Amino acid sequence: MKLILLGLTVTLLLVRVTQAMYCWGKLGRCRTTCEQIEVFHILCTDEAKCCVNPKHVPVKT
């Protein structure tokens, strides 16, 4: 029984930690560093960068 509770606790903690914070209308993700194919566009609420695929960033005219 203790093993089941330990497994459940670890699983719930992993799910909680690995949830991604979305930004820019769910087109970007909040990260501390962007991947190579992404660009930094705005800041997220927790001071992380909103990393967005360049094709979703509006072009200034």
N, C-alpha and C. Protein backbone atom coordinates (compact mmCIF):
# COMPACT_ATOMS: atom_id res chain seq x y z
N MET A 1 0.82 -1.20 0.00
CA MET A 1 0.00 0.00 0.00
C MET A 1 0.87 1.26 0.00
N LYS A 2 1.96 1.22 0.79
CA LYS A 2 2.85 2.38 0.82
C LYS A 2 3.50 2.61 -0.53
N LEU A 3 3.79 1.53 -1.25
CA LEU A 3 4.41 1.65 -2.57
C LEU A 3 3.44 2.31 -3.55
N ILE A 4 2.18 1.99 -3.45
CA ILE A 4 1.18 2.60 -4.33
C ILE A 4 1.06 4.09 -4.04
N LEU A 5 1.03 4.47 -2.78
CA LEU A 5 0.95 5.88 -2.42
C LEU A 5 2.20 6.64 -2.86
N LEU A 6 3.35 6.03 -2.73
CA LEU A 6 4.58 6.67 -3.18
C LEU A 6 4.56 6.86 -4.70
N GLY A 7 4.15 5.85 -5.43
CA GLY A 7 4.06 5.96 -6.88
C GLY A 7 3.07 7.02 -7.31
N LEU A 8 1.94 7.11 -6.65
CA LEU A 8 0.93 8.12 -6.96
C LEU A 8 1.46 9.52 -6.67
N THR A 9 2.15 9.68 -5.57
CA THR A 9 2.71 10.98 -5.21
C THR A 9 3.75 11.43 -6.23
N VAL A 10 4.63 10.54 -6.61
CA VAL A 10 5.66 10.88 -7.60
C VAL A 10 5.02 11.23 -8.94
N THR A 11 4.04 10.47 -9.35
CA THR A 11 3.35 10.73 -10.62
C THR A 11 2.67 12.10 -10.61
N LEU A 12 1.98 12.42 -9.54
CA LEU A 12 1.31 13.72 -9.45
C LEU A 12 2.30 14.88 -9.44
N LEU A 13 3.42 14.70 -8.77
CA LEU A 13 4.44 15.76 -8.77
C LEU A 13 5.03 15.96 -10.16
N LEU A 14 5.27 14.88 -10.89
CA LEU A 14 5.82 15.00 -12.24
C LEU A 14 4.84 15.68 -13.17
N VAL A 15 3.57 15.38 -13.05
CA VAL A 15 2.57 16.02 -13.89
C VAL A 15 2.51 17.50 -13.58
N ARG A 16 2.59 17.84 -12.32
CA ARG A 16 2.54 19.25 -11.90
C ARG A 16 3.75 20.03 -12.42
N VAL A 17 4.93 19.43 -12.37
CA VAL A 17 6.15 20.11 -12.80
C VAL A 17 6.23 20.23 -14.31
N THR A 18 5.76 19.25 -15.05
CA THR A 18 5.94 19.24 -16.50
C THR A 18 4.83 19.95 -17.26
N GLN A 19 3.86 20.52 -16.57
CA GLN A 19 2.82 21.25 -17.29
C GLN A 19 3.42 22.50 -17.93
N ALA A 20 3.11 22.71 -19.19
CA ALA A 20 3.67 23.84 -19.91
C ALA A 20 2.78 25.06 -19.77
N MET A 21 3.39 26.20 -19.58
CA MET A 21 2.65 27.45 -19.55
C MET A 21 2.61 27.99 -20.97
N TYR A 22 1.43 28.22 -21.48
CA TYR A 22 1.27 28.74 -22.83
C TYR A 22 1.13 30.25 -22.82
N CYS A 23 1.53 30.86 -23.90
CA CYS A 23 1.40 32.31 -24.07
C CYS A 23 1.11 32.60 -25.54
N TRP A 24 0.85 33.84 -25.83
CA TRP A 24 0.60 34.29 -27.20
C TRP A 24 -0.50 33.46 -27.86
N GLY A 25 -1.61 33.33 -27.15
CA GLY A 25 -2.76 32.61 -27.68
C GLY A 25 -2.48 31.13 -27.90
N LYS A 26 -1.74 30.51 -27.02
CA LYS A 26 -1.35 29.10 -27.09
C LYS A 26 -0.45 28.77 -28.27
N LEU A 27 0.14 29.79 -28.88
CA LEU A 27 1.10 29.55 -29.96
C LEU A 27 2.52 29.52 -29.45
N GLY A 28 2.74 29.99 -28.23
CA GLY A 28 4.08 30.00 -27.64
C GLY A 28 4.09 29.33 -26.29
N ARG A 29 5.29 29.11 -25.78
CA ARG A 29 5.45 28.50 -24.45
C ARG A 29 6.39 29.36 -23.61
N CYS A 30 6.10 29.43 -22.33
CA CYS A 30 6.94 30.18 -21.40
C CYS A 30 8.13 29.32 -21.00
N ARG A 31 9.32 29.81 -21.30
CA ARG A 31 10.55 29.10 -20.99
C ARG A 31 11.61 30.10 -20.55
N THR A 32 12.64 29.59 -19.88
CA THR A 32 13.74 30.48 -19.51
C THR A 32 14.65 30.76 -20.70
N THR A 33 14.81 29.78 -21.59
CA THR A 33 15.58 29.98 -22.83
C THR A 33 14.79 29.37 -23.98
N CYS A 34 14.80 30.06 -25.10
CA CYS A 34 14.08 29.58 -26.27
C CYS A 34 14.91 28.56 -27.03
N GLU A 35 14.23 27.66 -27.74
CA GLU A 35 14.93 26.70 -28.58
C GLU A 35 15.44 27.41 -29.83
N GLN A 36 16.26 26.72 -30.61
CA GLN A 36 16.88 27.34 -31.78
C GLN A 36 15.86 27.80 -32.81
N ILE A 37 14.76 27.08 -32.96
CA ILE A 37 13.78 27.42 -34.00
C ILE A 37 12.75 28.43 -33.50
N GLU A 38 12.87 28.90 -32.26
CA GLU A 38 11.91 29.83 -31.69
C GLU A 38 12.54 31.20 -31.48
N VAL A 39 11.67 32.21 -31.37
CA VAL A 39 12.14 33.57 -31.08
C VAL A 39 11.43 34.07 -29.83
N PHE A 40 12.11 34.95 -29.09
CA PHE A 40 11.54 35.58 -27.91
C PHE A 40 10.67 36.73 -28.36
N HIS A 41 9.42 36.78 -27.88
CA HIS A 41 8.52 37.86 -28.31
C HIS A 41 8.09 38.75 -27.15
N ILE A 42 7.56 38.18 -26.08
CA ILE A 42 7.10 38.95 -24.93
C ILE A 42 7.51 38.22 -23.66
N LEU A 43 7.31 38.84 -22.51
CA LEU A 43 7.57 38.18 -21.24
C LEU A 43 6.30 37.53 -20.72
N CYS A 44 6.44 36.40 -20.07
CA CYS A 44 5.32 35.73 -19.42
C CYS A 44 5.12 36.34 -18.03
N THR A 45 4.11 35.91 -17.33
CA THR A 45 3.80 36.46 -16.03
C THR A 45 4.88 36.15 -15.00
N ASP A 46 5.60 35.04 -15.14
CA ASP A 46 6.62 34.68 -14.18
C ASP A 46 8.02 35.11 -14.63
N GLU A 47 8.10 36.12 -15.46
CA GLU A 47 9.35 36.67 -15.98
C GLU A 47 10.13 35.71 -16.87
N ALA A 48 9.49 34.67 -17.35
CA ALA A 48 10.10 33.79 -18.34
C ALA A 48 9.82 34.37 -19.72
N LYS A 49 10.54 33.89 -20.70
CA LYS A 49 10.36 34.37 -22.07
C LYS A 49 9.23 33.59 -22.75
N CYS A 50 8.45 34.28 -23.56
CA CYS A 50 7.44 33.62 -24.37
C CYS A 50 8.11 33.27 -25.70
N CYS A 51 8.39 32.01 -25.90
CA CYS A 51 9.09 31.54 -27.09
C CYS A 51 8.06 31.12 -28.14
N VAL A 52 8.14 31.75 -29.30
CA VAL A 52 7.14 31.56 -30.35
C VAL A 52 7.85 31.19 -31.65
N ASN A 53 7.21 30.36 -32.44
CA ASN A 53 7.70 30.05 -33.77
C ASN A 53 7.67 31.35 -34.58
N PRO A 54 8.73 31.68 -35.32
CA PRO A 54 8.78 32.95 -36.05
C PRO A 54 7.63 33.18 -37.02
N LYS A 55 7.01 32.13 -37.53
CA LYS A 55 5.90 32.33 -38.48
C LYS A 55 4.64 32.84 -37.80
N HIS A 56 4.57 32.78 -36.47
CA HIS A 56 3.40 33.27 -35.73
C HIS A 56 3.58 34.67 -35.19
N VAL A 57 4.78 35.24 -35.31
CA VAL A 57 5.05 36.59 -34.81
C VAL A 57 4.61 37.59 -35.87
N PRO A 58 3.82 38.60 -35.46
CA PRO A 58 3.37 39.59 -36.45
C PRO A 58 4.53 40.41 -37.00
N VAL A 59 4.43 40.76 -38.26
CA VAL A 59 5.47 41.54 -38.93
C VAL A 59 5.10 43.00 -38.83
N LYS A 60 6.06 43.84 -38.41
CA LYS A 60 5.81 45.28 -38.34
C LYS A 60 5.86 45.85 -39.76
N THR A 61 4.85 46.68 -40.08
CA THR A 61 4.80 47.28 -41.41
C THR A 61 5.10 48.75 -41.35
